[in-house]
């Protein structure tokens, strides 16, 4: 990351990593960036999953979508929207929202 951001600009990275929080890719990212879920006030209710596979009958438990920031930001809040309509989801992933200052 240092090679890509030599000027030290602020960074916000939103991504579907298809990796759980304890995985190697996420561990590498969090050595340089802050996970908004753990740094901010989490407004998300359990379960914490972001992947639903279009299945409304099973609670989502897989967190694979993230909002990361450089250390100059202050994640204020974090939430996962889990709304459905007629027992259908519009996507196989839930939207992740972070309010960042």
PDB file of N, CA and C in Angstrom:
ATOM      1  N   UNK A   1       0.822  -1.193   0.000  1.00  0.00           N
ATOM      2  CA  UNK A   1       0.000   0.000   0.000  1.00  0.00           C
ATOM      3  C   UNK A   1       0.861   1.250   0.000  1.00  0.00           C
ATOM      4  N   UNK A   2       1.971   1.227   0.723  1.00  0.00           N
ATOM      5  CA  UNK A   2       2.859   2.370   0.747  1.00  0.00           C
ATOM      6  C   UNK A   2       3.363   2.730  -0.637  1.00  0.00           C
ATOM      7  N   UNK A   3       3.623   1.721  -1.468  1.00  0.00           N
ATOM      8  CA  UNK A   3       4.081   1.967  -2.822  1.00  0.00           C
ATOM      9  C   UNK A   3       3.006   2.650  -3.664  1.00  0.00           C
ATOM     10  N   UNK A   4       1.744   2.341  -3.390  1.00  0.00           N
ATOM     11  CA  UNK A   4       0.644   2.896  -4.154  1.00  0.00           C
ATOM     12  C   UNK A   4       0.227   4.273  -3.661  1.00  0.00           C
ATOM     13  N   UNK A   5       0.573   4.618  -2.459  1.00  0.00           N
ATOM     14  CA  UNK A   5       0.129   5.868  -1.856  1.00  0.00           C
ATOM     15  C   UNK A   5       1.317   6.589  -1.224  1.00  0.00           C
ATOM     16  N   UNK A   6       2.328   6.858  -2.001  1.00  0.00           N
ATOM     17  CA  UNK A   6       3.545   7.478  -1.480  1.00  0.00           C
ATOM     18  C   UNK A   6       3.313   8.906  -1.013  1.00  0.00           C
ATOM     19  N   UNK A   7       2.288   9.561  -1.516  1.00  0.00           N
ATOM     20  CA  UNK A   7       1.989  10.929  -1.112  1.00  0.00           C
ATOM     21  C   UNK A   7       1.239  10.990   0.215  1.00  0.00           C
ATOM     22  N   UNK A   8       0.759   9.846   0.698  1.00  0.00           N
ATOM     23  CA  UNK A   8       0.039   9.816   1.966  1.00  0.00           C
ATOM     24  C   UNK A   8      -1.371  10.349   1.898  1.00  0.00           C
ATOM     25  N   UNK A   9      -2.002  10.255   0.729  1.00  0.00           N
ATOM     26  CA  UNK A   9      -3.372  10.725   0.594  1.00  0.00           C
ATOM     27  C   UNK A   9      -4.325   9.888   1.439  1.00  0.00           C
ATOM     28  N   UNK A  10      -5.447  10.475   1.858  1.00  0.00           N
ATOM     29  CA  UNK A  10      -6.458   9.700   2.580  1.00  0.00           C
ATOM     30  C   UNK A  10      -7.018   8.599   1.676  1.00  0.00           C
ATOM     31  N   UNK A  11      -7.303   7.448   2.265  1.00  0.00           N
ATOM     32  CA  UNK A  11      -7.786   6.300   1.505  1.00  0.00           C
ATOM     33  C   UNK A  11      -9.055   5.749   2.142  1.00  0.00           C
ATOM     34  N   UNK A  12     -10.062   5.490   1.302  1.00  0.00           N
ATOM     35  CA  UNK A  12     -11.243   4.731   1.703  1.00  0.00           C
ATOM     36  C   UNK A  12     -11.348   3.581   0.715  1.00  0.00           C
ATOM     37  N   UNK A  13     -11.361   2.367   1.239  1.00  0.00           N
ATOM     38  CA  UNK A  13     -11.408   1.168   0.403  1.00  0.00           C
ATOM     39  C   UNK A  13     -12.669   0.390   0.749  1.00  0.00           C
ATOM     40  N   UNK A  14     -13.570   0.261  -0.204  1.00  0.00           N
ATOM     41  CA  UNK A  14     -14.778  -0.557  -0.023  1.00  0.00           C
ATOM     42  C   UNK A  14     -14.661  -1.715  -0.993  1.00  0.00           C
ATOM     43  N   UNK A  15     -14.854  -2.921  -0.465  1.00  0.00           N
ATOM     44  CA  UNK A  15     -14.554  -4.067  -1.316  1.00  0.00           C
ATOM     45  C   UNK A  15     -15.243  -5.342  -0.832  1.00  0.00           C
ATOM     46  N   UNK A  16     -15.554  -6.190  -1.785  1.00  0.00           N
ATOM     47  CA  UNK A  16     -15.990  -7.555  -1.512  1.00  0.00           C
ATOM     48  C   UNK A  16     -14.743  -8.423  -1.642  1.00  0.00           C
ATOM     49  N   UNK A  17     -14.186  -8.834  -0.520  1.00  0.00           N
ATOM     50  CA  UNK A  17     -12.966  -9.627  -0.538  1.00  0.00           C
ATOM     51  C   UNK A  17     -13.236 -11.123  -0.621  1.00  0.00           C
ATOM     52  N   UNK A  18     -14.499 -11.540  -0.411  1.00  0.00           N
ATOM     53  CA  UNK A  18     -14.816 -12.963  -0.342  1.00  0.00           C
ATOM     54  C   UNK A  18     -13.932 -13.672   0.676  1.00  0.00           C
ATOM     55  N   UNK A  19     -13.578 -12.958   1.730  1.00  0.00           N
ATOM     56  CA  UNK A  19     -12.705 -13.492   2.784  1.00  0.00           C
ATOM     57  C   UNK A  19     -13.258 -13.093   4.145  1.00  0.00           C
ATOM     58  N   UNK A  20     -13.249 -14.012   5.103  1.00  0.00           N
ATOM     59  CA  UNK A  20     -13.718 -13.678   6.450  1.00  0.00           C
ATOM     60  C   UNK A  20     -12.709 -12.782   7.180  1.00  0.00           C
ATOM     61  N   UNK A  21     -13.138 -12.125   8.253  1.00  0.00           N
ATOM     62  CA  UNK A  21     -12.261 -11.188   8.966  1.00  0.00           C
ATOM     63  C   UNK A  21     -10.934 -11.776   9.443  1.00  0.00           C
ATOM     64  N   UNK A  22     -10.886 -13.051   9.773  1.00  0.00           N
ATOM     65  CA  UNK A  22      -9.654 -13.647  10.298  1.00  0.00           C
ATOM     66  C   UNK A  22      -8.725 -14.182   9.202  1.00  0.00           C
ATOM     67  N   UNK A  23      -9.064 -13.976   7.932  1.00  0.00           N
ATOM     68  CA  UNK A  23      -8.266 -14.506   6.822  1.00  0.00           C
ATOM     69  C   UNK A  23      -6.987 -13.691   6.592  1.00  0.00           C
ATOM     70  N   UNK A  24      -6.055 -14.298   5.890  1.00  0.00           N
ATOM     71  CA  UNK A  24      -4.774 -13.632   5.611  1.00  0.00           C
ATOM     72  C   UNK A  24      -4.939 -12.326   4.824  1.00  0.00           C
ATOM     73  N   UNK A  25      -5.770 -12.283   3.758  1.00  0.00           N
ATOM     74  CA  UNK A  25      -5.908 -11.008   3.046  1.00  0.00           C
ATOM     75  C   UNK A  25      -6.410  -9.865   3.935  1.00  0.00           C
ATOM     76  N   UNK A  26      -7.357 -10.165   4.796  1.00  0.00           N
ATOM     77  CA  UNK A  26      -7.886  -9.124   5.683  1.00  0.00           C
ATOM     78  C   UNK A  26      -6.840  -8.732   6.728  1.00  0.00           C
ATOM     79  N   UNK A  27      -6.109  -9.688   7.247  1.00  0.00           N
ATOM     80  CA  UNK A  27      -5.035  -9.377   8.194  1.00  0.00           C
ATOM     81  C   UNK A  27      -3.975  -8.482   7.564  1.00  0.00           C
ATOM     82  N   UNK A  28      -3.654  -8.711   6.313  1.00  0.00           N
ATOM     83  CA  UNK A  28      -2.670  -7.867   5.613  1.00  0.00           C
ATOM     84  C   UNK A  28      -3.212  -6.443   5.460  1.00  0.00           C
ATOM     85  N   UNK A  29      -4.468  -6.315   5.023  1.00  0.00           N
ATOM     86  CA  UNK A  29      -5.074  -4.995   4.842  1.00  0.00           C
ATOM     87  C   UNK A  29      -5.114  -4.225   6.161  1.00  0.00           C
ATOM     88  N   UNK A  30      -5.476  -4.896   7.250  1.00  0.00           N
ATOM     89  CA  UNK A  30      -5.623  -4.185   8.532  1.00  0.00           C
ATOM     90  C   UNK A  30      -4.287  -3.820   9.185  1.00  0.00           C
ATOM     91  N   UNK A  31      -3.166  -4.229   8.585  1.00  0.00           N
ATOM     92  CA  UNK A  31      -1.881  -3.709   9.067  1.00  0.00           C
ATOM     93  C   UNK A  31      -1.676  -2.282   8.585  1.00  0.00           C
ATOM     94  N   UNK A  32      -2.404  -1.876   7.531  1.00  0.00           N
ATOM     95  CA  UNK A  32      -2.272  -0.537   6.960  1.00  0.00           C
ATOM     96  C   UNK A  32      -3.534   0.311   7.073  1.00  0.00           C
ATOM     97  N   UNK A  33      -4.691  -0.349   7.086  1.00  0.00           N
ATOM     98  CA  UNK A  33      -5.966   0.362   7.088  1.00  0.00           C
ATOM     99  C   UNK A  33      -6.807  -0.061   8.280  1.00  0.00           C
ATOM    100  N   UNK A  34      -7.789   0.768   8.602  1.00  0.00           N
ATOM    101  CA  UNK A  34      -8.670   0.542   9.745  1.00  0.00           C
ATOM    102  C   UNK A  34      -9.989  -0.033   9.251  1.00  0.00           C
ATOM    103  N   UNK A  35     -10.462  -1.085   9.903  1.00  0.00           N
ATOM    104  CA  UNK A  35     -11.761  -1.681   9.595  1.00  0.00           C
ATOM    105  C   UNK A  35     -12.840  -0.827  10.266  1.00  0.00           C
ATOM    106  N   UNK A  36     -13.732  -0.250   9.466  1.00  0.00           N
ATOM    107  CA  UNK A  36     -14.764   0.636  10.011  1.00  0.00           C
ATOM    108  C   UNK A  36     -15.676  -0.055  11.013  1.00  0.00           C
ATOM    109  N   UNK A  37     -15.886  -1.343  10.863  1.00  0.00           N
ATOM    110  CA  UNK A  37     -16.755  -2.060  11.794  1.00  0.00           C
ATOM    111  C   UNK A  37     -16.158  -2.093  13.196  1.00  0.00           C
ATOM    112  N   UNK A  38     -14.886  -2.340  13.301  1.00  0.00           N
ATOM    113  CA  UNK A  38     -14.266  -2.444  14.625  1.00  0.00           C
ATOM    114  C   UNK A  38     -13.871  -1.087  15.185  1.00  0.00           C
ATOM    115  N   UNK A  39     -13.658  -0.096  14.318  1.00  0.00           N
ATOM    116  CA  UNK A  39     -13.226   1.224  14.792  1.00  0.00           C
ATOM    117  C   UNK A  39     -14.384   2.149  15.119  1.00  0.00           C
ATOM    118  N   UNK A  40     -15.504   1.970  14.431  1.00  0.00           N
ATOM    119  CA  UNK A  40     -16.644   2.853  14.619  1.00  0.00           C
ATOM    120  C   UNK A  40     -17.664   2.265  15.570  1.00  0.00           C
ATOM    121  N   UNK A  41     -18.703   3.018  15.786  1.00  0.00           N
ATOM    122  CA  UNK A  41     -19.818   2.535  16.592  1.00  0.00           C
ATOM    123  C   UNK A  41     -20.669   1.642  15.693  1.00  0.00           C
ATOM    124  N   UNK A  42     -20.680   0.359  15.977  1.00  0.00           N
ATOM    125  CA  UNK A  42     -21.412  -0.578  15.134  1.00  0.00           C
ATOM    126  C   UNK A  42     -22.904  -0.485  15.434  1.00  0.00           C
ATOM    127  N   UNK A  43     -23.672  -0.206  14.400  1.00  0.00           N
ATOM    128  CA  UNK A  43     -25.125  -0.151  14.531  1.00  0.00           C
ATOM    129  C   UNK A  43     -25.777  -1.417  13.995  1.00  0.00           C
ATOM    130  N   UNK A  44     -24.943  -2.307  13.506  1.00  0.00           N
ATOM    131  CA  UNK A  44     -25.448  -3.529  12.886  1.00  0.00           C
ATOM    132  C   UNK A  44     -25.840  -4.552  13.942  1.00  0.00           C
ATOM    133  N   UNK A  45     -27.000  -5.091  13.803  1.00  0.00           N
ATOM    134  CA  UNK A  45     -27.456  -6.132  14.711  1.00  0.00           C
ATOM    135  C   UNK A  45     -26.981  -7.493  14.207  1.00  0.00           C
ATOM    136  N   UNK A  46     -26.875  -8.443  15.109  1.00  0.00           N
ATOM    137  CA  UNK A  46     -26.488  -9.806  14.714  1.00  0.00           C
ATOM    138  C   UNK A  46     -27.579 -10.368  13.814  1.00  0.00           C
ATOM    139  N   UNK A  47     -27.247 -11.215  12.909  1.00  0.00           N
ATOM    140  CA  UNK A  47     -25.909 -11.692  12.585  1.00  0.00           C
ATOM    141  C   UNK A  47     -25.101 -10.636  11.826  1.00  0.00           C
ATOM    142  N   UNK A  48     -23.793 -10.800  11.805  1.00  0.00           N
ATOM    143  CA  UNK A  48     -22.936  -9.788  11.209  1.00  0.00           C
ATOM    144  C   UNK A  48     -22.607 -10.057   9.744  1.00  0.00           C
ATOM    145  N   UNK A  49     -23.173 -11.086   9.152  1.00  0.00           N
ATOM    146  CA  UNK A  49     -22.869 -11.460   7.778  1.00  0.00           C
ATOM    147  C   UNK A  49     -23.277 -10.420   6.757  1.00  0.00           C
ATOM    148  N   UNK A  50     -22.527 -10.379   5.660  1.00  0.00           N
ATOM    149  CA  UNK A  50     -22.832  -9.474   4.554  1.00  0.00           C
ATOM    150  C   UNK A  50     -23.205 -10.233   3.288  1.00  0.00           C
ATOM    151  N   UNK A  51     -23.043 -11.545   3.283  1.00  0.00           N
ATOM    152  CA  UNK A  51     -23.370 -12.371   2.112  1.00  0.00           C
ATOM    153  C   UNK A  51     -24.604 -13.204   2.432  1.00  0.00           C
ATOM    154  N   UNK A  52     -25.620 -13.123   1.571  1.00  0.00           N
ATOM    155  CA  UNK A  52     -26.871 -13.837   1.855  1.00  0.00           C
ATOM    156  C   UNK A  52     -27.230 -14.901   0.821  1.00  0.00           C
ATOM    157  N   UNK A  53     -26.551 -14.924  -0.314  1.00  0.00           N
ATOM    158  CA  UNK A  53     -26.800 -15.909  -1.361  1.00  0.00           C
ATOM    159  C   UNK A  53     -28.279 -15.940  -1.789  1.00  0.00           C
ATOM    160  N   UNK A  54     -28.941 -14.803  -1.668  1.00  0.00           N
ATOM    161  CA  UNK A  54     -30.361 -14.643  -2.002  1.00  0.00           C
ATOM    162  C   UNK A  54     -31.281 -15.516  -1.154  1.00  0.00           C
ATOM    163  N   UNK A  55     -30.808 -16.019  -0.037  1.00  0.00           N
ATOM    164  CA  UNK A  55     -31.587 -16.929   0.804  1.00  0.00           C
ATOM    165  C   UNK A  55     -32.108 -16.182   2.036  1.00  0.00           C
ATOM    166  N   UNK A  56     -33.402 -15.879   2.050  1.00  0.00           N
ATOM    167  CA  UNK A  56     -33.995 -15.159   3.177  1.00  0.00           C
ATOM    168  C   UNK A  56     -34.356 -16.073   4.345  1.00  0.00           C
ATOM    169  N   UNK A  57     -34.234 -17.378   4.160  1.00  0.00           N
ATOM    170  CA  UNK A  57     -34.638 -18.320   5.206  1.00  0.00           C
ATOM    171  C   UNK A  57     -33.530 -18.605   6.222  1.00  0.00           C
ATOM    172  N   UNK A  58     -32.299 -18.203   5.927  1.00  0.00           N
ATOM    173  CA  UNK A  58     -31.160 -18.493   6.795  1.00  0.00           C
ATOM    174  C   UNK A  58     -30.462 -17.189   7.164  1.00  0.00           C
ATOM    175  N   UNK A  59     -30.201 -16.941   8.458  1.00  0.00           N
ATOM    176  CA  UNK A  59     -29.461 -15.723   8.834  1.00  0.00           C
ATOM    177  C   UNK A  59     -28.062 -15.721   8.218  1.00  0.00           C
ATOM    178  N   UNK A  60     -27.662 -14.571   7.741  1.00  0.00           N
ATOM    179  CA  UNK A  60     -26.345 -14.435   7.123  1.00  0.00           C
ATOM    180  C   UNK A  60     -25.257 -14.408   8.196  1.00  0.00           C
ATOM    181  N   UNK A  61     -24.250 -15.245   8.042  1.00  0.00           N
ATOM    182  CA  UNK A  61     -23.171 -15.287   9.028  1.00  0.00           C
ATOM    183  C   UNK A  61     -21.808 -14.984   8.407  1.00  0.00           C
ATOM    184  N   UNK A  62     -21.724 -14.931   7.078  1.00  0.00           N
ATOM    185  CA  UNK A  62     -20.452 -14.700   6.409  1.00  0.00           C
ATOM    186  C   UNK A  62     -20.219 -13.217   6.167  1.00  0.00           C
ATOM    187  N   UNK A  63     -19.257 -12.651   6.870  1.00  0.00           N
ATOM    188  CA  UNK A  63     -18.869 -11.260   6.625  1.00  0.00           C
ATOM    189  C   UNK A  63     -17.711 -11.267   5.638  1.00  0.00           C
ATOM    190  N   UNK A  64     -17.985 -10.801   4.408  1.00  0.00           N
ATOM    191  CA  UNK A  64     -16.950 -10.794   3.374  1.00  0.00           C
ATOM    192  C   UNK A  64     -16.840  -9.439   2.672  1.00  0.00           C
ATOM    193  N   UNK A  65     -17.640  -8.457   3.103  1.00  0.00           N
ATOM    194  CA  UNK A  65     -17.625  -7.117   2.517  1.00  0.00           C
ATOM    195  C   UNK A  65     -17.166  -6.117   3.577  1.00  0.00           C
ATOM    196  N   UNK A  66     -16.352  -5.155   3.168  1.00  0.00           N
ATOM    197  CA  UNK A  66     -15.676  -4.291   4.140  1.00  0.00           C
ATOM    198  C   UNK A  66     -15.621  -2.844   3.676  1.00  0.00           C
ATOM    199  N   UNK A  67     -15.453  -1.959   4.672  1.00  0.00           N
ATOM    200  CA  UNK A  67     -15.112  -0.557   4.440  1.00  0.00           C
ATOM    201  C   UNK A  67     -13.874  -0.285   5.285  1.00  0.00           C
ATOM    202  N   UNK A  68     -12.752  -0.040   4.618  1.00  0.00           N
ATOM    203  CA  UNK A  68     -11.494   0.260   5.291  1.00  0.00           C
ATOM    204  C   UNK A  68     -11.133   1.724   5.047  1.00  0.00           C
ATOM    205  N   UNK A  69     -10.431   2.332   5.999  1.00  0.00           N
ATOM    206  CA  UNK A  69      -9.971   3.715   5.835  1.00  0.00           C
ATOM    207  C   UNK A  69      -8.520   3.833   6.293  1.00  0.00           C
ATOM    208  N   UNK A  70      -7.862   4.867   5.797  1.00  0.00           N
ATOM    209  CA  UNK A  70      -6.543   5.166   6.333  1.00  0.00           C
ATOM    210  C   UNK A  70      -6.730   5.772   7.719  1.00  0.00           C
ATOM    211  N   UNK A  71      -5.657   5.858   8.472  1.00  0.00           N
ATOM    212  CA  UNK A  71      -5.738   6.264   9.872  1.00  0.00           C
ATOM    213  C   UNK A  71      -6.175   7.714  10.079  1.00  0.00           C
ATOM    214  N   UNK A  72      -6.176   8.531   9.051  1.00  0.00           N
ATOM    215  CA  UNK A  72      -6.615   9.914   9.189  1.00  0.00           C
ATOM    216  C   UNK A  72      -8.117  10.085   9.312  1.00  0.00           C
ATOM    217  N   UNK A  73      -8.861   9.051   9.030  1.00  0.00           N
ATOM    218  CA  UNK A  73     -10.323   9.110   9.110  1.00  0.00           C
ATOM    219  C   UNK A  73     -10.802   8.616  10.469  1.00  0.00           C
ATOM    220  N   UNK A  74     -12.024   9.021  10.796  1.00  0.00           N
ATOM    221  CA  UNK A  74     -12.649   8.552  12.026  1.00  0.00           C
ATOM    222  C   UNK A  74     -13.992   7.911  11.674  1.00  0.00           C
ATOM    223  N   UNK A  75     -14.032   6.557  11.618  1.00  0.00           N
ATOM    224  CA  UNK A  75     -15.317   5.902  11.363  1.00  0.00           C
ATOM    225  C   UNK A  75     -16.281   6.190  12.512  1.00  0.00           C
ATOM    226  N   UNK A  76     -17.389   6.819  12.190  1.00  0.00           N
ATOM    227  CA  UNK A  76     -18.352   7.236  13.201  1.00  0.00           C
ATOM    228  C   UNK A  76     -19.402   6.166  13.456  1.00  0.00           C
ATOM    229  N   UNK A  77     -19.868   5.515  12.400  1.00  0.00           N
ATOM    230  CA  UNK A  77     -20.847   4.447  12.574  1.00  0.00           C
ATOM    231  C   UNK A  77     -20.738   3.466  11.413  1.00  0.00           C
ATOM    232  N   UNK A  78     -21.258   2.277  11.641  1.00  0.00           N
ATOM    233  CA  UNK A  78     -21.191   1.179  10.682  1.00  0.00           C
ATOM    234  C   UNK A  78     -22.473   0.372  10.804  1.00  0.00           C
ATOM    235  N   UNK A  79     -23.058   0.029   9.678  1.00  0.00           N
ATOM    236  CA  UNK A  79     -24.260  -0.795   9.718  1.00  0.00           C
ATOM    237  C   UNK A  79     -24.380  -1.626   8.433  1.00  0.00           C
ATOM    238  N   UNK A  80     -25.135  -2.687   8.531  1.00  0.00           N
ATOM    239  CA  UNK A  80     -25.428  -3.545   7.385  1.00  0.00           C
ATOM    240  C   UNK A  80     -26.945  -3.504   7.181  1.00  0.00           C
ATOM    241  N   UNK A  81     -27.368  -3.140   5.979  1.00  0.00           N
ATOM    242  CA  UNK A  81     -28.796  -3.102   5.676  1.00  0.00           C
ATOM    243  C   UNK A  81     -29.257  -4.485   5.252  1.00  0.00           C
ATOM    244  N   UNK A  82     -30.311  -4.973   5.890  1.00  0.00           N
ATOM    245  CA  UNK A  82     -30.782  -6.334   5.601  1.00  0.00           C
ATOM    246  C   UNK A  82     -32.235  -6.363   5.137  1.00  0.00           C
ATOM    247  N   UNK A  83     -32.643  -5.353   4.451  1.00  0.00           N
ATOM    248  CA  UNK A  83     -34.032  -5.279   4.017  1.00  0.00           C
ATOM    249  C   UNK A  83     -34.312  -6.233   2.867  1.00  0.00           C
ATOM    250  N   UNK A  84     -35.512  -6.777   2.887  1.00  0.00           N
ATOM    251  CA  UNK A  84     -35.977  -7.621   1.787  1.00  0.00           C
ATOM    252  C   UNK A  84     -37.369  -7.141   1.393  1.00  0.00           C
ATOM    253  N   UNK A  85     -37.805  -7.559   0.238  1.00  0.00           N
ATOM    254  CA  UNK A  85     -39.142  -7.226  -0.241  1.00  0.00           C
ATOM    255  C   UNK A  85     -39.772  -8.499  -0.774  1.00  0.00           C
ATOM    256  N   UNK A  86     -40.938  -8.838  -0.251  1.00  0.00           N
ATOM    257  CA  UNK A  86     -41.621 -10.082  -0.623  1.00  0.00           C
ATOM    258  C   UNK A  86     -40.697 -11.293  -0.451  1.00  0.00           C
ATOM    259  N   UNK A  87     -39.958 -11.304   0.661  1.00  0.00           N
ATOM    260  CA  UNK A  87     -39.019 -12.377   0.991  1.00  0.00           C
ATOM    261  C   UNK A  87     -37.970 -12.596  -0.101  1.00  0.00           C
ATOM    262  N   UNK A  88     -37.538 -11.482  -0.713  1.00  0.00           N
ATOM    263  CA  UNK A  88     -36.474 -11.541  -1.724  1.00  0.00           C
ATOM    264  C   UNK A  88     -35.498 -10.404  -1.466  1.00  0.00           C
ATOM    265  N   UNK A  89     -34.219 -10.697  -1.674  1.00  0.00           N
ATOM    266  CA  UNK A  89     -33.172  -9.691  -1.568  1.00  0.00           C
ATOM    267  C   UNK A  89     -32.841  -9.157  -2.961  1.00  0.00           C
ATOM    268  N   UNK A  90     -32.504  -7.876  -3.077  1.00  0.00           N
ATOM    269  CA  UNK A  90     -32.139  -7.326  -4.381  1.00  0.00           C
ATOM    270  C   UNK A  90     -30.731  -7.729  -4.846  1.00  0.00           C
ATOM    271  N   UNK A  91     -29.930  -8.258  -3.917  1.00  0.00           N
ATOM    272  CA  UNK A  91     -28.553  -8.656  -4.230  1.00  0.00           C
ATOM    273  C   UNK A  91     -28.162  -9.829  -3.349  1.00  0.00           C
ATOM    274  N   UNK A  92     -27.103 -10.537  -3.723  1.00  0.00           N
ATOM    275  CA  UNK A  92     -26.616 -11.617  -2.872  1.00  0.00           C
ATOM    276  C   UNK A  92     -25.706 -11.105  -1.760  1.00  0.00           C
ATOM    277  N   UNK A  93     -25.472  -9.798  -1.727  1.00  0.00           N
ATOM    278  CA  UNK A  93     -24.718  -9.151  -0.648  1.00  0.00           C
ATOM    279  C   UNK A  93     -25.575  -8.058  -0.036  1.00  0.00           C
ATOM    280  N   UNK A  94     -25.453  -7.874   1.276  1.00  0.00           N
ATOM    281  CA  UNK A  94     -26.126  -6.762   1.929  1.00  0.00           C
ATOM    282  C   UNK A  94     -25.271  -5.501   1.788  1.00  0.00           C
ATOM    283  N   UNK A  95     -25.894  -4.344   1.614  1.00  0.00           N
ATOM    284  CA  UNK A  95     -25.132  -3.101   1.576  1.00  0.00           C
ATOM    285  C   UNK A  95     -24.490  -2.826   2.948  1.00  0.00           C
ATOM    286  N   UNK A  96     -23.249  -2.382   2.912  1.00  0.00           N
ATOM    287  CA  UNK A  96     -22.527  -1.981   4.123  1.00  0.00           C
ATOM    288  C   UNK A  96     -22.389  -0.467   4.079  1.00  0.00           C
ATOM    289  N   UNK A  97     -22.795   0.181   5.167  1.00  0.00           N
ATOM    290  CA  UNK A  97     -22.751   1.638   5.232  1.00  0.00           C
ATOM    291  C   UNK A  97     -21.875   2.062   6.403  1.00  0.00           C
ATOM    292  N   UNK A  98     -20.924   2.933   6.117  1.00  0.00           N
ATOM    293  CA  UNK A  98     -20.082   3.500   7.166  1.00  0.00           C
ATOM    294  C   UNK A  98     -20.138   5.012   7.054  1.00  0.00           C
ATOM    295  N   UNK A  99     -20.365   5.676   8.177  1.00  0.00           N
ATOM    296  CA  UNK A  99     -20.291   7.135   8.222  1.00  0.00           C
ATOM    297  C   UNK A  99     -18.894   7.465   8.729  1.00  0.00           C
ATOM    298  N   UNK A 100     -18.161   8.202   7.913  1.00  0.00           N
ATOM    299  CA  UNK A 100     -16.743   8.452   8.184  1.00  0.00           C
ATOM    300  C   UNK A 100     -16.487   9.943   8.222  1.00  0.00           C
ATOM    301  N   UNK A 101     -15.707  10.375   9.216  1.00  0.00           N
ATOM    302  CA  UNK A 101     -15.326  11.803   9.324  1.00  0.00           C
ATOM    303  C   UNK A 101     -13.836  11.947   9.130  1.00  0.00           C
TER     304      UNK A 101
END
